[in-house]
Amino acid sequence: YGNVVMVSPKFAAEKPEAVRGLLRAITKGVRDTVADPELGGKLVI
């Protein structure tokens, strides 16, 4: 496999709901990037 999102042990232990929220947000971001890579490129530059 390739690159992953990883979280620090401390962050996962102390703020599990924040980890879940982070992944929900990233999932939506990936979905939108797949749909509109041109906007993604603009955010990079």
All heavy atoms as atom14 arrays in JSON, in Angstrom:
{
  "sequence": "YGNVVMVSPKFAAEKPEAVRGLLRAITKGVRDTVADPELGGKLVI",
  "atom14_mask": [
    [1, 1, 1, 1, 1, 1, 1, 1, 1, 1, 1, 1, 0, 0],
    [1, 1, 1, 1, 0, 0, 0, 0, 0, 0, 0, 0, 0, 0],
    [1, 1, 1, 1, 1, 1, 1, 1, 0, 0, 0, 0, 0, 0],
    [1, 1, 1, 1, 1, 1, 1, 0, 0, 0, 0, 0, 0, 0],
    [1, 1, 1, 1, 1, 1, 1, 0, 0, 0, 0, 0, 0, 0],
    [1, 1, 1, 1, 1, 1, 1, 1, 0, 0, 0, 0, 0, 0],
    [1, 1, 1, 1, 1, 1, 1, 0, 0, 0, 0, 0, 0, 0],
    [1, 1, 1, 1, 1, 1, 0, 0, 0, 0, 0, 0, 0, 0],
    [1, 1, 1, 1, 1, 1, 1, 0, 0, 0, 0, 0, 0, 0],
    [1, 1, 1, 1, 1, 1, 1, 1, 1, 0, 0, 0, 0, 0],
    [1, 1, 1, 1, 1, 1, 1, 1, 1, 1, 1, 0, 0, 0],
    [1, 1, 1, 1, 1, 0, 0, 0, 0, 0, 0, 0, 0, 0],
    [1, 1, 1, 1, 1, 0, 0, 0, 0, 0, 0, 0, 0, 0],
    [1, 1, 1, 1, 1, 1, 1, 1, 1, 0, 0, 0, 0, 0],
    [1, 1, 1, 1, 1, 1, 1, 1, 1, 0, 0, 0, 0, 0],
    [1, 1, 1, 1, 1, 1, 1, 0, 0, 0, 0, 0, 0, 0],
    [1, 1, 1, 1, 1, 1, 1, 1, 1, 0, 0, 0, 0, 0],
    [1, 1, 1, 1, 1, 0, 0, 0, 0, 0, 0, 0, 0, 0],
    [1, 1, 1, 1, 1, 1, 1, 0, 0, 0, 0, 0, 0, 0],
    [1, 1, 1, 1, 1, 1, 1, 1, 1, 1, 1, 0, 0, 0],
    [1, 1, 1, 1, 0, 0, 0, 0, 0, 0, 0, 0, 0, 0],
    [1, 1, 1, 1, 1, 1, 1, 1, 0, 0, 0, 0, 0, 0],
    [1, 1, 1, 1, 1, 1, 1, 1, 0, 0, 0, 0, 0, 0],
    [1, 1, 1, 1, 1, 1, 1, 1, 1, 1, 1, 0, 0, 0],
    [1, 1, 1, 1, 1, 0, 0, 0, 0, 0, 0, 0, 0, 0],
    [1, 1, 1, 1, 1, 1, 1, 1, 0, 0, 0, 0, 0, 0],
    [1, 1, 1, 1, 1, 1, 1, 0, 0, 0, 0, 0, 0, 0],
    [1, 1, 1, 1, 1, 1, 1, 1, 1, 0, 0, 0, 0, 0],
    [1, 1, 1, 1, 0, 0, 0, 0, 0, 0, 0, 0, 0, 0],
    [1, 1, 1, 1, 1, 1, 1, 0, 0, 0, 0, 0, 0, 0],
    [1, 1, 1, 1, 1, 1, 1, 1, 1, 1, 1, 0, 0, 0],
    [1, 1, 1, 1, 1, 1, 1, 1, 0, 0, 0, 0, 0, 0],
    [1, 1, 1, 1, 1, 1, 1, 0, 0, 0, 0, 0, 0, 0],
    [1, 1, 1, 1, 1, 1, 1, 0, 0, 0, 0, 0, 0, 0],
    [1, 1, 1, 1, 1, 0, 0, 0, 0, 0, 0, 0, 0, 0],
    [1, 1, 1, 1, 1, 1, 1, 1, 0, 0, 0, 0, 0, 0],
    [1, 1, 1, 1, 1, 1, 1, 0, 0, 0, 0, 0, 0, 0],
    [1, 1, 1, 1, 1, 1, 1, 1, 1, 0, 0, 0, 0, 0],
    [1, 1, 1, 1, 1, 1, 1, 1, 0, 0, 0, 0, 0, 0],
    [1, 1, 1, 1, 0, 0, 0, 0, 0, 0, 0, 0, 0, 0],
    [1, 1, 1, 1, 0, 0, 0, 0, 0, 0, 0, 0, 0, 0],
    [1, 1, 1, 1, 1, 1, 1, 1, 1, 0, 0, 0, 0, 0],
    [1, 1, 1, 1, 1, 1, 1, 1, 0, 0, 0, 0, 0, 0],
    [1, 1, 1, 1, 1, 1, 1, 0, 0, 0, 0, 0, 0, 0],
    [1, 1, 1, 1, 1, 1, 1, 1, 0, 0, 0, 0, 0, 0]
  ],
  "atom14_positions": [
    [[0.85, -1.18, 0.0], [0.0, 0.0, 0.0], [0.89, 1.24, 0.0], [2.13, 1.13, 0.06], [-0.9, 0.0, 1.23], [-2.11, -0.9, 1.12], [-2.11, -2.18, 1.67], [-3.26, -0.47, 0.46], [-3.23, -3.01, 1.57], [-4.38, -1.29, 0.35], [-4.35, -2.55, 0.9], [-5.46, -3.36, 0.8], [0.0, 0.0, 0.0], [0.0, 0.0, 0.0]],
    [[0.27, 2.41, -0.05], [1.04, 3.65, -0.14], [0.86, 4.55, 1.07], [0.93, 4.11, 2.21], [0.0, 0.0, 0.0], [0.0, 0.0, 0.0], [0.0, 0.0, 0.0], [0.0, 0.0, 0.0], [0.0, 0.0, 0.0], [0.0, 0.0, 0.0], [0.0, 0.0, 0.0], [0.0, 0.0, 0.0], [0.0, 0.0, 0.0], [0.0, 0.0, 0.0]],
    [[0.6, 5.81, 0.8], [0.52, 6.81, 1.87], [-0.81, 6.77, 2.61], [-1.86, 6.52, 2.02], [0.73, 8.21, 1.31], [2.2, 8.54, 1.13], [3.04, 7.65, 1.02], [2.52, 9.82, 1.08], [0.0, 0.0, 0.0], [0.0, 0.0, 0.0], [0.0, 0.0, 0.0], [0.0, 0.0, 0.0], [0.0, 0.0, 0.0], [0.0, 0.0, 0.0]],
    [[-0.71, 7.05, 3.89], [-1.87, 7.0, 4.79], [-1.96, 8.28, 5.61], [-1.01, 9.05, 5.71], [-1.74, 5.81, 5.77], [-1.86, 4.49, 5.07], [-0.4, 5.9, 6.54], [0.0, 0.0, 0.0], [0.0, 0.0, 0.0], [0.0, 0.0, 0.0], [0.0, 0.0, 0.0], [0.0, 0.0, 0.0], [0.0, 0.0, 0.0], [0.0, 0.0, 0.0]],
    [[-3.12, 8.48, 6.21], [-3.25, 9.45, 7.29], [-2.95, 8.71, 8.58], [-3.51, 7.64, 8.84], [-4.67, 10.05, 7.35], [-4.82, 10.94, 8.6], [-4.96, 10.85, 6.09], [0.0, 0.0, 0.0], [0.0, 0.0, 0.0], [0.0, 0.0, 0.0], [0.0, 0.0, 0.0], [0.0, 0.0, 0.0], [0.0, 0.0, 0.0], [0.0, 0.0, 0.0]],
    [[-2.03, 9.25, 9.37], [-1.69, 8.66, 10.67], [-1.93, 9.71, 11.75], [-1.9, 10.91, 11.48], [-0.23, 8.19, 10.69], [0.77, 9.29, 10.5], [2.46, 8.68, 10.2], [2.39, 8.49, 8.42], [0.0, 0.0, 0.0], [0.0, 0.0, 0.0], [0.0, 0.0, 0.0], [0.0, 0.0, 0.0], [0.0, 0.0, 0.0], [0.0, 0.0, 0.0]],
    [[-2.2, 9.25, 12.95], [-2.43, 10.18, 14.07], [-1.53, 9.78, 15.23], [-1.23, 8.6, 15.43], [-3.91, 10.19, 14.51], [-4.8, 10.75, 13.41], [-4.38, 8.82, 14.93], [0.0, 0.0, 0.0], [0.0, 0.0, 0.0], [0.0, 0.0, 0.0], [0.0, 0.0, 0.0], [0.0, 0.0, 0.0], [0.0, 0.0, 0.0], [0.0, 0.0, 0.0]],
    [[-1.13, 10.76, 16.0], [-0.26, 10.48, 17.13], [-1.02, 9.69, 18.19], [-2.24, 9.86, 18.35], [0.27, 11.78, 17.74], [-0.73, 12.42, 18.52], [0.0, 0.0, 0.0], [0.0, 0.0, 0.0], [0.0, 0.0, 0.0], [0.0, 0.0, 0.0], [0.0, 0.0, 0.0], [0.0, 0.0, 0.0], [0.0, 0.0, 0.0], [0.0, 0.0, 0.0]],
    [[-0.34, 8.81, 18.91], [-1.01, 8.04, 19.96], [-1.71, 8.92, 20.99], [-2.82, 8.61, 21.43], [0.14, 7.25, 20.59], [1.17, 7.14, 19.52], [1.08, 8.43, 18.76], [0.0, 0.0, 0.0], [0.0, 0.0, 0.0], [0.0, 0.0, 0.0], [0.0, 0.0, 0.0], [0.0, 0.0, 0.0], [0.0, 0.0, 0.0], [0.0, 0.0, 0.0]],
    [[-1.1, 10.03, 21.33], [-1.67, 10.94, 22.33], [-2.97, 11.57, 21.81], [-3.98, 11.63, 22.51], [-0.66, 12.04, 22.67], [-1.09, 13.0, 23.78], [0.06, 13.95, 24.11], [-0.27, 14.85, 25.3], [-1.33, 15.84, 25.0], [0.0, 0.0, 0.0], [0.0, 0.0, 0.0], [0.0, 0.0, 0.0], [0.0, 0.0, 0.0], [0.0, 0.0, 0.0]],
    [[-2.94, 12.02, 20.58], [-4.12, 12.63, 19.98], [-5.26, 11.63, 19.88], [-6.42, 11.94, 20.19], [-3.75, 13.17, 18.59], [-4.85, 13.94, 17.91], [-5.41, 15.06, 18.47], [-5.3, 13.52, 16.66], [-6.41, 15.77, 17.83], [-6.31, 14.22, 16.01], [-6.86, 15.35, 16.59], [0.0, 0.0, 0.0], [0.0, 0.0, 0.0], [0.0, 0.0, 0.0]],
    [[-4.96, 10.41, 19.46], [-5.98, 9.38, 19.33], [-6.59, 9.02, 20.68], [-7.81, 8.82, 20.8], [-5.4, 8.13, 18.67], [0.0, 0.0, 0.0], [0.0, 0.0, 0.0], [0.0, 0.0, 0.0], [0.0, 0.0, 0.0], [0.0, 0.0, 0.0], [0.0, 0.0, 0.0], [0.0, 0.0, 0.0], [0.0, 0.0, 0.0], [0.0, 0.0, 0.0]],
    [[-5.74, 8.94, 21.72], [-6.22, 8.56, 23.04], [-7.06, 9.65, 23.7], [-8.08, 9.38, 24.34], [-5.04, 8.2, 23.94], [0.0, 0.0, 0.0], [0.0, 0.0, 0.0], [0.0, 0.0, 0.0], [0.0, 0.0, 0.0], [0.0, 0.0, 0.0], [0.0, 0.0, 0.0], [0.0, 0.0, 0.0], [0.0, 0.0, 0.0], [0.0, 0.0, 0.0]],
    [[-6.63, 10.9, 23.53], [-7.28, 12.01, 24.22], [-8.46, 12.6, 23.45], [-9.4, 13.13, 24.05], [-6.26, 13.11, 24.52], [-5.17, 12.68, 25.49], [-4.18, 13.79, 25.77], [-4.3, 14.88, 25.15], [-3.27, 13.58, 26.61], [0.0, 0.0, 0.0], [0.0, 0.0, 0.0], [0.0, 0.0, 0.0], [0.0, 0.0, 0.0], [0.0, 0.0, 0.0]],
    [[-8.43, 12.5, 22.11], [-9.46, 13.16, 21.32], [-9.96, 12.26, 20.17], [-9.84, 12.62, 18.99], [-8.93, 14.49, 20.77], [-8.49, 15.45, 21.87], [-7.89, 16.72, 21.33], [-7.45, 17.64, 22.47], [-6.81, 18.88, 21.98], [0.0, 0.0, 0.0], [0.0, 0.0, 0.0], [0.0, 0.0, 0.0], [0.0, 0.0, 0.0], [0.0, 0.0, 0.0]],
    [[-10.51, 11.11, 20.52], [-10.96, 10.19, 19.46], [-12.04, 10.78, 18.56], [-12.08, 10.48, 17.37], [-11.48, 8.98, 20.26], [-11.8, 9.52, 21.61], [-10.77, 10.57, 21.87], [0.0, 0.0, 0.0], [0.0, 0.0, 0.0], [0.0, 0.0, 0.0], [0.0, 0.0, 0.0], [0.0, 0.0, 0.0], [0.0, 0.0, 0.0], [0.0, 0.0, 0.0]],
    [[-12.92, 11.62, 19.12], [-13.96, 12.23, 18.29], [-13.36, 13.23, 17.31], [-13.88, 13.4, 16.19], [-15.02, 12.9, 19.16], [-15.93, 11.91, 19.87], [-16.57, 10.9, 18.92], [-17.06, 11.32, 17.85], [-16.56, 9.7, 19.23], [0.0, 0.0, 0.0], [0.0, 0.0, 0.0], [0.0, 0.0, 0.0], [0.0, 0.0, 0.0], [0.0, 0.0, 0.0]],
    [[-12.28, 13.88, 17.7], [-11.59, 14.79, 16.79], [-10.98, 14.01, 15.63], [-10.97, 14.48, 14.48], [-10.52, 15.59, 17.53], [0.0, 0.0, 0.0], [0.0, 0.0, 0.0], [0.0, 0.0, 0.0], [0.0, 0.0, 0.0], [0.0, 0.0, 0.0], [0.0, 0.0, 0.0], [0.0, 0.0, 0.0], [0.0, 0.0, 0.0], [0.0, 0.0, 0.0]],
    [[-10.45, 12.81, 15.93], [-9.9, 11.96, 14.87], [-11.0, 11.57, 13.89], [-10.83, 11.65, 12.66], [-9.24, 10.7, 15.45], [-8.76, 9.78, 14.33], [-8.07, 11.08, 16.36], [0.0, 0.0, 0.0], [0.0, 0.0, 0.0], [0.0, 0.0, 0.0], [0.0, 0.0, 0.0], [0.0, 0.0, 0.0], [0.0, 0.0, 0.0], [0.0, 0.0, 0.0]],
    [[-12.15, 11.19, 14.4], [-13.27, 10.82, 13.53], [-13.72, 12.01, 12.68], [-14.01, 11.87, 11.49], [-14.43, 10.28, 14.37], [-14.13, 8.96, 15.05], [-15.35, 8.38, 15.78], [-15.03, 7.09, 16.35], [-14.58, 6.91, 17.59], [-14.42, 7.96, 18.39], [-14.29, 5.7, 18.04], [0.0, 0.0, 0.0], [0.0, 0.0, 0.0], [0.0, 0.0, 0.0]],
    [[-13.76, 13.17, 13.31], [-14.14, 14.37, 12.57], [-13.13, 14.72, 11.49], [-13.5, 15.13, 10.39], [0.0, 0.0, 0.0], [0.0, 0.0, 0.0], [0.0, 0.0, 0.0], [0.0, 0.0, 0.0], [0.0, 0.0, 0.0], [0.0, 0.0, 0.0], [0.0, 0.0, 0.0], [0.0, 0.0, 0.0], [0.0, 0.0, 0.0], [0.0, 0.0, 0.0]],
    [[-11.86, 14.54, 11.81], [-10.8, 14.8, 10.84], [-10.97, 13.91, 9.61], [-10.88, 14.38, 8.46], [-9.44, 14.55, 11.49], [-8.2, 14.78, 10.62], [-7.98, 16.27, 10.41], [-6.96, 14.15, 11.26], [0.0, 0.0, 0.0], [0.0, 0.0, 0.0], [0.0, 0.0, 0.0], [0.0, 0.0, 0.0], [0.0, 0.0, 0.0], [0.0, 0.0, 0.0]],
    [[-11.25, 12.64, 9.83], [-11.4, 11.7, 8.71], [-12.67, 11.95, 7.92], [-12.69, 11.78, 6.7], [-11.34, 10.26, 9.22], [-10.04, 9.85, 9.93], [-10.01, 8.33, 10.13], [-8.81, 10.3, 9.17], [0.0, 0.0, 0.0], [0.0, 0.0, 0.0], [0.0, 0.0, 0.0], [0.0, 0.0, 0.0], [0.0, 0.0, 0.0], [0.0, 0.0, 0.0]],
    [[-13.73, 12.36, 8.6], [-14.95, 12.71, 7.87], [-14.68, 13.89, 6.94], [-15.11, 13.89, 5.78], [-16.08, 13.06, 8.84], [-16.78, 11.87, 9.47], [-18.08, 12.28, 10.15], [-17.85, 13.19, 11.27], [-17.7, 12.78, 12.54], [-17.73, 11.49, 12.83], [-17.51, 13.66, 13.5], [0.0, 0.0, 0.0], [0.0, 0.0, 0.0], [0.0, 0.0, 0.0]],
    [[-13.98, 14.88, 7.46], [-13.68, 16.07, 6.67], [-12.76, 15.74, 5.49], [-12.97, 16.21, 4.37], [-13.05, 17.14, 7.55], [0.0, 0.0, 0.0], [0.0, 0.0, 0.0], [0.0, 0.0, 0.0], [0.0, 0.0, 0.0], [0.0, 0.0, 0.0], [0.0, 0.0, 0.0], [0.0, 0.0, 0.0], [0.0, 0.0, 0.0], [0.0, 0.0, 0.0]],
    [[-11.74, 14.93, 5.73], [-10.81, 14.56, 4.66], [-11.55, 13.76, 3.58], [-11.33, 13.96, 2.39], [-9.62, 13.76, 5.22], [-8.72, 14.69, 6.06], [-8.81, 13.13, 4.09], [-7.6, 13.97, 6.78], [0.0, 0.0, 0.0], [0.0, 0.0, 0.0], [0.0, 0.0, 0.0], [0.0, 0.0, 0.0], [0.0, 0.0, 0.0], [0.0, 0.0, 0.0]],
    [[-12.42, 12.85, 4.0], [-13.2, 12.07, 3.04], [-13.99, 12.98, 2.11], [-14.0, 12.79, 0.88], [-14.14, 11.1, 3.77], [-13.38, 10.19, 4.56], [-14.99, 10.3, 2.78], [0.0, 0.0, 0.0], [0.0, 0.0, 0.0], [0.0, 0.0, 0.0], [0.0, 0.0, 0.0], [0.0, 0.0, 0.0], [0.0, 0.0, 0.0], [0.0, 0.0, 0.0]],
    [[-14.65, 13.98, 2.67], [-15.4, 14.93, 1.85], [-14.47, 15.72, 0.94], [-14.8, 16.0, -0.22], [-16.21, 15.87, 2.75], [-17.32, 15.19, 3.53], [-17.99, 16.16, 4.5], [-19.07, 15.46, 5.33], [-19.68, 16.37, 6.32], [0.0, 0.0, 0.0], [0.0, 0.0, 0.0], [0.0, 0.0, 0.0], [0.0, 0.0, 0.0], [0.0, 0.0, 0.0]],
    [[-13.31, 16.09, 1.47], [-12.35, 16.83, 0.67], [-11.82, 16.02, -0.5], [-11.66, 16.54, -1.61], [0.0, 0.0, 0.0], [0.0, 0.0, 0.0], [0.0, 0.0, 0.0], [0.0, 0.0, 0.0], [0.0, 0.0, 0.0], [0.0, 0.0, 0.0], [0.0, 0.0, 0.0], [0.0, 0.0, 0.0], [0.0, 0.0, 0.0], [0.0, 0.0, 0.0]],
    [[-11.55, 14.76, -0.26], [-11.08, 13.87, -1.34], [-12.17, 13.72, -2.39], [-11.91, 13.8, -3.6], [-10.66, 12.5, -0.78], [-10.37, 11.52, -1.91], [-9.42, 12.65, 0.1], [0.0, 0.0, 0.0], [0.0, 0.0, 0.0], [0.0, 0.0, 0.0], [0.0, 0.0, 0.0], [0.0, 0.0, 0.0], [0.0, 0.0, 0.0], [0.0, 0.0, 0.0]],
    [[-13.41, 13.52, -1.94], [-14.54, 13.4, -2.87], [-14.63, 14.62, -3.78], [-14.76, 14.5, -5.01], [-15.83, 13.26, -2.07], [-17.11, 13.2, -2.89], [-18.31, 13.54, -2.02], [-18.23, 14.93, -1.52], [-18.94, 15.4, -0.51], [-19.76, 14.6, 0.16], [-18.82, 16.67, -0.14], [0.0, 0.0, 0.0], [0.0, 0.0, 0.0], [0.0, 0.0, 0.0]],
    [[-14.51, 15.81, -3.2], [-14.62, 17.04, -3.98], [-13.41, 17.24, -4.9], [-13.55, 17.8, -5.99], [-14.76, 18.24, -3.04], [-16.1, 18.27, -2.33], [-16.92, 17.35, -2.55], [-16.33, 19.21, -1.55], [0.0, 0.0, 0.0], [0.0, 0.0, 0.0], [0.0, 0.0, 0.0], [0.0, 0.0, 0.0], [0.0, 0.0, 0.0], [0.0, 0.0, 0.0]],
    [[-12.24, 16.79, -4.46], [-11.04, 16.93, -5.28], [-11.12, 16.02, -6.5], [-10.72, 16.4, -7.61], [-9.78, 16.6, -4.46], [-9.76, 17.41, -3.27], [-8.52, 16.88, -5.26], [0.0, 0.0, 0.0], [0.0, 0.0, 0.0], [0.0, 0.0, 0.0], [0.0, 0.0, 0.0], [0.0, 0.0, 0.0], [0.0, 0.0, 0.0], [0.0, 0.0, 0.0]],
    [[-11.63, 14.81, -6.3], [-11.82, 13.88, -7.41], [-12.78, 14.5, -8.43], [-12.58, 14.39, -9.65], [-12.36, 12.53, -6.91], [-12.82, 11.65, -8.06], [-11.28, 11.81, -6.09], [0.0, 0.0, 0.0], [0.0, 0.0, 0.0], [0.0, 0.0, 0.0], [0.0, 0.0, 0.0], [0.0, 0.0, 0.0], [0.0, 0.0, 0.0], [0.0, 0.0, 0.0]],
    [[-13.81, 15.18, -7.94], [-14.82, 15.77, -8.82], [-14.32, 17.04, -9.5], [-14.75, 17.36, -10.62], [-16.09, 16.08, -8.02], [0.0, 0.0, 0.0], [0.0, 0.0, 0.0], [0.0, 0.0, 0.0], [0.0, 0.0, 0.0], [0.0, 0.0, 0.0], [0.0, 0.0, 0.0], [0.0, 0.0, 0.0], [0.0, 0.0, 0.0], [0.0, 0.0, 0.0]],
    [[-13.39, 17.76, -8.87], [-12.95, 19.06, -9.41], [-11.45, 19.26, -9.19], [-11.03, 20.08, -8.38], [-13.74, 20.19, -8.74], [-13.56, 21.53, -9.44], [-12.74, 21.61, -10.37], [-14.24, 22.5, -9.04], [0.0, 0.0, 0.0], [0.0, 0.0, 0.0], [0.0, 0.0, 0.0], [0.0, 0.0, 0.0], [0.0, 0.0, 0.0], [0.0, 0.0, 0.0]],
    [[-10.61, 18.52, -9.92], [-9.16, 18.66, -9.73], [-8.63, 20.03, -10.13], [-7.58, 20.46, -9.63], [-8.57, 17.56, -10.62], [-9.66, 17.21, -11.58], [-10.94, 17.46, -10.88], [0.0, 0.0, 0.0], [0.0, 0.0, 0.0], [0.0, 0.0, 0.0], [0.0, 0.0, 0.0], [0.0, 0.0, 0.0], [0.0, 0.0, 0.0], [0.0, 0.0, 0.0]],
    [[-9.34, 20.74, -11.01], [-8.9, 22.08, -11.4], [-8.92, 23.03, -10.19], [-7.99, 23.8, -9.98], [-9.77, 22.65, -12.53], [-9.49, 22.06, -13.9], [-10.06, 20.66, -14.07], [-10.92, 20.24, -13.24], [-9.64, 19.96, -15.01], [0.0, 0.0, 0.0], [0.0, 0.0, 0.0], [0.0, 0.0, 0.0], [0.0, 0.0, 0.0], [0.0, 0.0, 0.0]],
    [[-9.99, 22.93, -9.39], [-10.05, 23.74, -8.17], [-8.94, 23.3, -7.22], [-8.29, 24.14, -6.58], [-11.41, 23.59, -7.49], [-11.55, 24.28, -6.12], [-11.25, 25.76, -6.21], [-12.95, 24.04, -5.54], [0.0, 0.0, 0.0], [0.0, 0.0, 0.0], [0.0, 0.0, 0.0], [0.0, 0.0, 0.0], [0.0, 0.0, 0.0], [0.0, 0.0, 0.0]],
    [[-8.69, 22.0, -7.15], [-7.61, 21.51, -6.3], [-6.28, 22.12, -6.69], [-5.48, 22.52, -5.82], [0.0, 0.0, 0.0], [0.0, 0.0, 0.0], [0.0, 0.0, 0.0], [0.0, 0.0, 0.0], [0.0, 0.0, 0.0], [0.0, 0.0, 0.0], [0.0, 0.0, 0.0], [0.0, 0.0, 0.0], [0.0, 0.0, 0.0], [0.0, 0.0, 0.0]],
    [[-6.01, 22.2, -7.98], [-4.76, 22.81, -8.45], [-4.66, 24.27, -8.05], [-3.59, 24.75, -7.67], [0.0, 0.0, 0.0], [0.0, 0.0, 0.0], [0.0, 0.0, 0.0], [0.0, 0.0, 0.0], [0.0, 0.0, 0.0], [0.0, 0.0, 0.0], [0.0, 0.0, 0.0], [0.0, 0.0, 0.0], [0.0, 0.0, 0.0], [0.0, 0.0, 0.0]],
    [[-5.77, 24.98, -8.11], [-5.77, 26.4, -7.73], [-5.45, 26.57, -6.24], [-4.75, 27.52, -5.85], [-7.12, 27.03, -8.06], [-7.38, 27.16, -9.55], [-8.78, 27.69, -9.84], [-9.05, 27.76, -11.34], [-10.44, 28.2, -11.63], [0.0, 0.0, 0.0], [0.0, 0.0, 0.0], [0.0, 0.0, 0.0], [0.0, 0.0, 0.0], [0.0, 0.0, 0.0]],
    [[-5.97, 25.66, -5.42], [-5.68, 25.74, -3.98], [-4.2, 25.53, -3.7], [-3.64, 26.13, -2.78], [-6.51, 24.69, -3.23], [-8.02, 24.81, -3.33], [-8.7, 23.71, -2.54], [-8.49, 26.18, -2.84], [0.0, 0.0, 0.0], [0.0, 0.0, 0.0], [0.0, 0.0, 0.0], [0.0, 0.0, 0.0], [0.0, 0.0, 0.0], [0.0, 0.0, 0.0]],
    [[-3.56, 24.7, -4.52], [-2.12, 24.44, -4.35], [-1.3, 25.67, -4.7], [-0.43, 26.1, -3.94], [-1.69, 23.23, -5.21], [-0.17, 23.14, -5.29], [-2.26, 21.94, -4.65], [0.0, 0.0, 0.0], [0.0, 0.0, 0.0], [0.0, 0.0, 0.0], [0.0, 0.0, 0.0], [0.0, 0.0, 0.0], [0.0, 0.0, 0.0], [0.0, 0.0, 0.0]],
    [[-1.58, 26.27, -5.86], [-0.74, 27.38, -6.28], [-0.97, 28.63, -5.44], [-0.12, 29.53, -5.42], [-0.91, 27.69, -7.78], [-2.33, 28.17, -8.09], [-0.54, 26.48, -8.63], [-2.46, 28.73, -9.5], [0.0, 0.0, 0.0], [0.0, 0.0, 0.0], [0.0, 0.0, 0.0], [0.0, 0.0, 0.0], [0.0, 0.0, 0.0], [0.0, 0.0, 0.0]]
  ]
}
